[in-house]
Protein backbone atom coordinates (compact mmCIF):
# COMPACT_ATOMS: atom_id res chain seq x y z
CA UNK A 1 124.04 124.06 121.50
CA UNK A 2 120.78 122.99 119.55
CA UNK A 3 119.95 119.31 118.96
CA UNK A 4 118.47 120.16 115.77
CA UNK A 5 115.08 119.19 114.51
CA UNK A 6 113.26 116.55 116.49
CA UNK A 7 110.92 114.03 114.62
CA UNK A 8 108.77 111.65 115.92
CA UNK A 9 107.10 108.77 113.37
CA UNK A 10 104.15 106.39 114.40
CA UNK A 11 104.27 103.38 112.72
CA UNK A 12 101.39 100.82 113.64
CA UNK A 13 102.20 97.55 111.80
CA UNK A 14 100.38 94.48 113.74
CA UNK A 15 101.29 91.62 111.58
CA UNK A 16 103.78 92.30 108.58
CA UNK A 17 107.06 94.25 108.22
CA UNK A 18 105.65 96.44 105.57
CA UNK A 19 104.79 99.78 107.44
CA UNK A 20 107.99 99.17 109.44
CA UNK A 21 110.30 98.76 106.66
CA UNK A 22 108.83 101.77 104.84
CA UNK A 23 109.06 103.88 107.77
CA UNK A 24 112.91 103.11 108.70
CA UNK A 25 113.76 103.91 104.94
CA UNK A 26 111.88 107.25 105.33
CA UNK A 27 113.72 107.85 108.63
CA UNK A 28 117.20 107.12 107.04
CA UNK A 29 116.14 109.64 104.52
CA UNK A 30 115.20 112.18 106.71
CA UNK A 31 118.51 111.90 108.66
CA UNK A 32 120.51 112.18 105.72
CA UNK A 33 118.60 115.03 104.48
CA UNK A 34 118.88 116.87 107.56
CA UNK A 35 122.47 116.28 109.50
CA UNK A 36 121.44 117.58 112.79
CA UNK A 37 117.94 115.99 113.18
CA UNK A 38 116.98 112.75 115.32
CA UNK A 39 114.35 110.51 115.10
CA UNK A 40 112.01 108.52 117.69
CA UNK A 41 109.84 105.79 116.18
CA UNK A 42 106.92 104.27 118.11
CA UNK A 43 106.48 100.79 116.53
CA UNK A 44 104.21 97.92 117.61
CA UNK A 45 105.22 95.17 115.38
CA UNK A 46 105.82 92.16 117.35
CA UNK A 47 109.67 91.88 115.62
CA UNK A 48 110.52 95.68 115.96
CA UNK A 49 112.74 97.21 115.29
CA UNK A 50 114.02 94.06 113.12
CA UNK A 51 115.82 96.45 110.77
CA UNK A 52 119.29 98.10 111.73
CA UNK A 53 118.72 101.34 113.41
CA UNK A 54 120.34 104.25 112.00
CA UNK A 55 122.66 106.80 114.07
CA UNK A 56 120.40 109.34 115.61
CA UNK A 57 117.64 107.29 116.12
CA UNK A 58 115.64 105.36 118.42
CA UNK A 59 112.46 103.65 118.85
CA UNK A 60 109.85 102.76 121.55
CA UNK A 61 108.09 99.31 121.41
CA UNK A 62 104.29 99.80 121.92
CA UNK A 63 102.50 96.61 123.23
CA UNK A 64 101.35 94.87 119.92
CA UNK A 65 97.76 95.04 118.80
CA UNK A 66 96.44 93.17 115.51
CA UNK A 67 93.36 94.12 113.50
CA UNK A 68 90.48 91.30 113.36
CA UNK A 69 88.24 93.28 110.84
CA UNK A 70 87.67 96.84 109.58
CA UNK A 71 87.90 98.88 113.01
CA UNK A 72 88.26 95.66 115.48
CA UNK A 73 91.08 94.95 117.12
CA UNK A 74 93.06 92.92 120.01
CA UNK A 75 96.12 91.99 121.87
CA UNK A 76 98.68 90.51 120.18
CA UNK A 77 100.47 88.92 122.94
CA UNK A 78 99.19 90.36 126.08
CA UNK A 79 96.03 88.91 127.49
CA UNK A 80 94.31 91.95 128.23
CA UNK A 81 91.25 93.35 127.28
CA UNK A 82 91.14 95.57 124.06
CA UNK A 83 90.37 98.56 126.10
CA UNK A 84 92.80 98.19 128.57
CA UNK A 85 95.41 97.83 125.78
CA UNK A 86 94.41 100.85 123.91
CA UNK A 87 94.44 102.98 127.28
CA UNK A 88 97.93 101.73 128.02
CA UNK A 89 99.11 102.44 124.41
CA UNK A 90 97.36 106.04 124.49
CA UNK A 91 98.79 106.78 127.75
CA UNK A 92 102.66 105.72 126.48
CA UNK A 93 102.20 107.57 123.34
CA UNK A 94 100.95 110.98 125.01
CA UNK A 95 103.31 111.32 127.73
CA UNK A 96 106.60 109.99 125.36
CA UNK A 97 105.01 112.55 122.81
CA UNK A 98 104.96 115.28 125.38
CA UNK A 99 108.47 114.42 126.80
CA UNK A 100 110.21 114.54 123.25
CA UNK A 101 108.81 117.51 122.21
CA UNK A 102 108.92 116.90 118.51
CA UNK A 103 109.13 119.49 115.98
CA UNK A 104 107.42 116.95 113.51
CA UNK A 105 105.34 114.19 113.69
CA UNK A 106 105.07 111.85 110.93
CA UNK A 107 101.78 109.48 111.11
CA UNK A 108 101.71 106.40 108.89
CA UNK A 109 98.63 104.90 107.70
CA UNK A 110 96.17 105.66 110.74
CA UNK A 111 95.65 109.43 111.20
CA UNK A 112 94.17 108.86 114.58
CA UNK A 113 95.93 105.68 115.67
CA UNK A 114 94.42 102.31 116.49
CA UNK A 115 91.40 103.02 118.03
CA UNK A 116 91.87 106.90 118.17
CA UNK A 117 94.88 106.25 120.59
CA UNK A 118 97.00 109.14 119.02
CA UNK A 119 94.53 111.48 119.34
CA UNK A 120 95.11 112.68 122.88
CA UNK A 121 98.65 112.86 121.77
CA UNK A 122 98.04 115.08 119.08
CA UNK A 123 95.80 117.40 121.20
CA UNK A 124 98.53 117.62 123.99
CA UNK A 125 100.80 118.85 121.08
CA UNK A 126 98.65 121.18 119.75
CA UNK A 127 98.22 122.85 123.10
CA UNK A 128 101.74 122.62 124.58
CA UNK A 129 104.13 122.60 121.21
CA UNK A 130 101.95 124.34 118.64
CA UNK A 131 104.80 124.92 116.37
CA UNK A 132 104.98 120.96 115.79
CA UNK A 133 104.25 119.97 112.50
CA UNK A 134 101.70 116.93 111.74
CA UNK A 135 101.82 114.86 108.55
CA UNK A 136 100.19 111.85 107.65
CA UNK A 137 101.63 109.45 105.00
CA UNK A 138 99.55 106.82 103.10
CA UNK A 139 100.59 103.73 101.03
CA UNK A 140 99.35 103.75 97.54
CA UNK A 141 96.10 101.60 98.39
CA UNK A 142 94.32 101.05 101.69
CA UNK A 143 91.56 99.11 100.87
CA UNK A 144 88.21 98.95 98.84
CA UNK A 145 86.71 102.36 98.63
CA UNK A 146 83.28 101.86 100.34
CA UNK A 147 85.43 100.18 103.41
CA UNK A 148 87.58 102.89 104.11
CA UNK A 149 84.79 105.62 103.58
CA UNK A 150 82.43 103.74 106.26
CA UNK A 151 85.40 103.15 108.96
CA UNK A 152 86.83 106.80 108.34
CA UNK A 153 83.18 108.36 108.60
CA UNK A 154 82.14 106.35 111.92
CA UNK A 155 85.78 106.80 113.56
CA UNK A 156 85.80 110.45 112.96
CA UNK A 157 88.74 110.09 110.92
CA UNK A 158 87.92 112.79 108.22
CA UNK A 159 87.63 115.33 111.07
CA UNK A 160 90.80 114.28 112.71
CA UNK A 161 92.62 114.93 109.22
CA UNK A 162 91.04 118.34 109.10
CA UNK A 163 92.07 119.19 112.81
CA UNK A 164 95.39 117.94 113.23
CA UNK A 165 97.19 117.39 109.99
CA UNK A 166 99.41 120.17 108.24
CA UNK A 167 100.39 117.55 104.90
CA UNK A 168 99.67 114.73 103.34
CA UNK A 169 102.12 112.41 101.63
CA UNK A 170 100.98 109.31 99.37
CA UNK A 171 103.51 106.89 98.80
CA UNK A 172 102.55 105.92 95.44
CA UNK A 173 101.81 107.28 91.99
CA UNK A 174 98.45 109.16 91.07
CA UNK A 175 98.51 107.82 87.74
CA UNK A 176 98.38 104.06 88.92
CA UNK A 177 95.92 104.66 91.88
CA UNK A 178 94.42 108.18 92.83
CA UNK A 179 94.47 107.66 96.51
CA UNK A 180 93.37 111.23 97.70
CA UNK A 181 90.35 111.28 95.16
CA UNK A 182 89.17 107.70 95.67
CA UNK A 183 89.08 108.36 99.36
CA UNK A 184 87.93 111.94 99.30
CA UNK A 185 90.97 113.00 101.33
CA UNK A 186 90.79 116.71 102.26
CA UNK A 187 93.37 118.76 101.42
CA UNK A 188 95.78 119.93 104.68
CA UNK A 189 96.88 123.62 104.56
CA UNK A 190 100.15 122.69 103.39
CA UNK A 191 98.96 120.43 100.59
CA UNK A 192 99.11 116.76 99.45
CA UNK A 193 101.88 115.24 97.47
CA UNK A 194 102.50 112.13 95.51
CA UNK A 195 105.90 110.49 96.42
CA UNK A 196 106.31 107.77 94.42
CA UNK A 197 106.95 104.31 95.82
CA UNK A 198 108.88 103.98 98.99
CA UNK A 199 112.10 101.14 98.16
CA UNK A 200 115.08 100.13 99.47
CA UNK A 201 117.65 101.64 96.84
CA UNK A 202 120.54 100.11 98.41
CA UNK A 203 123.37 98.35 96.03
CA UNK A 204 122.69 94.67 95.36
CA UNK A 205 125.15 91.87 95.40
CA UNK A 206 126.35 90.06 92.39
CA UNK A 207 123.77 86.82 91.12
CA UNK A 208 126.53 84.54 91.49
CA UNK A 209 127.35 85.82 95.00
CA UNK A 210 123.74 85.20 96.06
CA UNK A 211 123.33 81.90 94.36
CA UNK A 212 126.47 80.33 96.03
CA UNK A 213 125.79 81.78 99.53
CA UNK A 214 122.18 79.94 99.27
CA UNK A 215 123.97 76.69 97.68
CA UNK A 216 121.51 77.23 94.57
CA UNK A 217 123.11 75.25 92.08
CA UNK A 218 120.67 75.12 89.10
CA UNK A 219 121.22 77.60 86.49
CA UNK A 220 117.93 79.34 87.06
CA UNK A 221 116.36 80.11 90.45
CA UNK A 222 113.00 81.10 91.46
CA UNK A 223 112.62 83.45 94.58
CA UNK A 224 109.59 82.89 96.93
CA UNK A 225 108.84 85.48 99.45
CA UNK A 226 105.68 85.79 101.65
CA UNK A 227 106.35 89.26 103.29
CA UNK A 228 106.10 88.87 107.09
CA UNK A 229 105.24 85.59 106.68
CA UNK A 230 101.53 85.59 108.65
CA UNK A 231 99.32 85.07 105.73
CA UNK A 232 101.53 83.26 103.07
CA UNK A 233 101.27 79.72 104.07
CA UNK A 234 98.74 78.75 101.71
CA UNK A 235 100.95 80.00 98.77
CA UNK A 236 104.01 78.24 100.40
CA UNK A 237 102.29 75.01 100.57
CA UNK A 238 100.61 75.37 97.16
CA UNK A 239 104.08 76.18 95.52
CA UNK A 240 105.98 72.93 96.99
CA UNK A 241 103.28 70.96 95.91
CA UNK A 242 103.86 72.60 92.67
CA UNK A 243 107.60 71.66 92.05
CA UNK A 244 106.45 68.45 93.12
CA UNK A 245 104.16 67.79 90.55
CA UNK A 246 106.62 69.14 87.74
CA UNK A 247 109.01 66.62 88.64
CA UNK A 248 112.02 66.80 86.39
CA UNK A 249 110.34 69.73 84.60
CA UNK A 250 111.26 71.85 87.65
CA UNK A 251 114.70 72.74 86.03
CA UNK A 252 115.21 75.41 88.66
CA UNK A 253 116.28 75.78 92.61
CA UNK A 254 113.85 77.65 94.85
CA UNK A 255 114.97 79.66 97.70
CA UNK A 256 111.64 80.42 100.04
CA UNK A 257 111.63 82.78 102.67
CA UNK A 258 108.72 82.05 104.87
CA UNK A 259 108.95 85.23 106.83
CA UNK A 260 109.70 86.28 110.66
CA UNK A 261 105.96 86.33 111.71
CA UNK A 262 105.33 82.71 110.27
CA UNK A 263 105.04 80.12 113.15
CA UNK A 264 107.97 77.95 113.56
CA UNK A 265 105.91 74.87 112.75
CA UNK A 266 104.68 76.06 109.70
CA UNK A 267 108.58 76.00 108.08
CA UNK A 268 109.10 72.85 109.93
CA UNK A 269 106.05 71.37 107.65
CA UNK A 270 106.93 73.10 104.52
CA UNK A 271 110.41 71.38 105.18
CA UNK A 272 109.18 67.99 105.47
CA UNK A 273 106.70 68.51 102.39
CA UNK A 274 109.75 69.87 100.46
CA UNK A 275 112.17 66.87 101.40
CA UNK A 276 113.66 65.58 98.19
CA UNK A 277 113.03 68.71 96.11
CA UNK A 278 115.13 71.56 94.79
CA UNK A 279 113.85 73.93 97.20
CA UNK A 280 115.78 75.47 100.04
CA UNK A 281 113.70 76.95 102.73
CA UNK A 282 114.74 79.61 105.16
CA UNK A 283 112.99 81.83 107.70
CA UNK A 284 113.97 85.20 106.02
CA UNK A 285 116.77 86.29 104.00
CA UNK A 286 119.19 89.19 105.56
CA UNK A 287 119.29 90.80 101.81
CA UNK A 288 116.05 90.36 100.20
CA UNK A 289 116.86 93.18 97.63
CA UNK A 290 119.77 91.23 96.37
CA UNK A 291 117.56 87.64 96.21
CA UNK A 292 115.04 89.72 94.14
CA UNK A 293 117.53 91.03 92.03
CA UNK A 294 119.48 87.50 91.53
CA UNK A 295 116.18 85.72 90.68
CA UNK A 296 114.92 84.32 87.41
CA UNK A 297 111.42 84.92 88.54
CA UNK A 298 109.87 86.02 92.04
CA UNK A 299 106.75 84.47 93.19
CA UNK A 300 105.09 86.53 95.97
CA UNK A 301 101.95 88.38 97.35
CA UNK A 302 100.89 91.87 96.65
CA UNK A 303 102.06 93.48 99.54
CA UNK A 304 103.29 97.13 99.27
CA UNK A 305 107.34 96.33 99.90
CA UNK A 306 107.72 93.45 98.01
CA UNK A 307 106.24 94.60 94.73
CA UNK A 308 107.87 98.12 95.51
CA UNK A 309 111.30 96.17 95.29
CA UNK A 310 110.22 93.82 92.22
CA UNK A 311 109.23 97.12 90.11
CA UNK A 312 112.49 98.92 91.27
CA UNK A 313 114.42 96.02 90.06
CA UNK A 314 112.58 95.35 86.95
CA UNK A 315 111.97 91.57 87.81
CA UNK A 316 109.50 89.55 86.57
CA UNK A 317 107.45 88.20 89.30
CA UNK A 318 104.52 85.64 89.64
CA UNK A 319 102.16 87.46 91.93
CA UNK A 320 99.25 86.01 94.13
CA UNK A 321 97.42 88.43 96.10
CA UNK A 322 95.87 88.17 99.76
CA UNK A 323 92.28 87.07 99.13
CA UNK A 324 91.03 89.04 102.08
CA UNK A 325 89.67 90.62 104.35
CA UNK A 326 91.11 93.70 102.70
CA UNK A 327 90.92 94.59 98.99
CA UNK A 328 94.31 96.43 98.97
CA UNK A 329 96.51 93.57 97.45
CA UNK A 330 94.17 92.22 94.83
CA UNK A 331 93.83 96.04 93.82
CA UNK A 332 97.19 96.76 93.42
CA UNK A 333 98.01 93.59 91.84
CA UNK A 334 95.16 94.19 89.03
CA UNK A 335 96.25 97.73 88.66
CA UNK A 336 100.14 96.61 87.91
CA UNK A 337 99.18 93.58 85.80
CA UNK A 338 96.93 96.18 83.49
CA UNK A 339 100.15 97.80 82.75
CA UNK A 340 102.19 94.29 82.27
CA UNK A 341 104.23 95.38 85.30
CA UNK A 342 103.69 91.62 86.76
CA UNK A 343 101.76 88.52 86.08
CA UNK A 344 98.89 87.50 88.58
CA UNK A 345 97.63 84.59 89.47
CA UNK A 346 94.08 85.26 91.17
CA UNK A 347 93.70 83.32 94.45
CA UNK A 348 90.63 81.79 93.74
CA UNK A 349 92.40 80.10 91.18
CA UNK A 350 95.37 78.89 93.24
CA UNK A 351 96.19 75.09 92.91
CA UNK A 352 99.35 73.12 92.46
CA UNK A 353 98.22 72.30 88.73
CA UNK A 354 97.78 75.76 87.92
CA UNK A 355 100.78 77.16 89.78
CA UNK A 356 103.13 74.59 87.97
CA UNK A 357 102.09 75.44 84.74
CA UNK A 358 102.13 79.41 85.55
CA UNK A 359 105.82 78.95 86.79
CA UNK A 360 106.91 77.08 83.78
CA UNK A 361 105.20 79.73 81.39
CA UNK A 362 106.46 82.60 83.28
CA UNK A 363 110.31 81.45 83.67
CA UNK A 364 110.15 81.00 79.72
CA UNK A 365 108.47 84.82 79.09
CA UNK A 366 110.13 87.99 77.99
CA UNK A 367 107.14 90.14 77.50
CA UNK A 368 107.29 91.94 81.03
CA UNK A 369 107.94 93.81 82.79
CA UNK A 370 107.37 96.62 80.38
CA UNK A 371 110.02 99.30 81.43
CA UNK A 372 107.83 102.32 79.84
CA UNK A 373 105.46 101.43 82.21
CA UNK A 374 107.24 101.43 85.53
CA UNK A 375 106.23 104.05 88.24
CA UNK A 376 108.36 106.42 89.88
CA UNK A 377 110.39 104.80 92.97
CA UNK A 378 112.24 107.47 94.92
CA UNK A 379 109.63 107.85 97.32
CA UNK A 380 111.70 107.88 100.46
CA UNK A 381 113.84 110.68 99.18
CA UNK A 382 110.68 112.59 98.06
CA UNK A 383 108.88 112.01 101.34
CA UNK A 384 112.07 113.34 103.25
CA UNK A 385 112.21 116.47 100.84
CA UNK A 386 108.70 117.19 101.39
CA UNK A 387 109.25 117.21 105.25
CA UNK A 388 112.09 118.87 105.21
CA UNK A 389 110.20 121.43 103.29
CA UNK A 390 107.77 121.30 105.94
CA UNK A 391 109.66 121.88 108.62
CA UNK A 392 111.63 124.75 106.88
CA UNK A 393 108.26 126.19 106.40
CA UNK A 394 106.91 125.94 110.18
CA UNK A 395 110.22 127.32 111.39
CA UNK A 396 110.15 130.52 109.37
CA UNK A 397 106.68 131.31 110.00
CA UNK A 398 107.28 131.00 113.91
CA UNK A 399 110.22 133.08 113.65
CA UNK A 400 108.65 135.72 111.38
């Protein structure tokens, strides 16, 4: 009996949950679109798999690695040299991919993998399993154009794209950000496609149910999210200070999710600072989508997944993008603010006084988000359709 299509997904996510969440959503859509398929994900997020693993899917956890700056990496938990760790990950990837013999490899974000670790696996597949298709999936914005061009040219990434990849998928909207032209991406043999934003489109719970579950007793509530939590400490501390400064004018309750990757001491310190305030602090929420839907205002950073959920649910959001080292979040926030889909507070202007003022203003505003400016939000299904199409095209070519 045929076991159907085998699909491998490479998900490099050194600190947050963004790439991991996006790839789980795409994997779920693939499994739904192709009932006889199965997925093996290679993930290195420190908390992988974190999300519920669907039937016919499994994962291999790679030793975690994190990016220090463009092109520079170090081990997250193991105390071994970067070169030794990359060699270990490279061998694991090559051997596992060869044993699994996938019909399709979907690579997320990094065409050659961290420090080129994926290239030996792709080269081995090309020799031993030539019918395997390879696709690259990219979020809308990677970094500043000059940074990506410099790093990709020095690491040979454009040559890797030309040599190994059959299709390119962009998880975004060309009208908002022209990813392919910005980064001078070569067009693979089976083309490049803008899929729209990948977002969790699951049903949300009733607002009253969310408020009751989290003991949010005031009429209005603000949901504060810092994504995975590895770099949201400044925003969360400033928010607590802003609420204290507002005093009686803080006529709302706050639910703050500090993130699964935030150090435990950060949550403890925030709880101490928020004592006596209408602020409830939790490490994370099981149903972030429902919390966003129930909130009167979302305060967050400009990560891809959080903002995709905000846009999908058409919620008011006060966004404070990460200041660096990447230009990704500031660029995304600026482009969405230009379309009046979100409100943005520049990180250089972040202070308790300024944040307190904007909280009061945004809770009263009704001039955004502008619904007519909303981008396409069915990226997971579109990506699954384009990948299914690629599998069928290659299967037909092999049998012809």
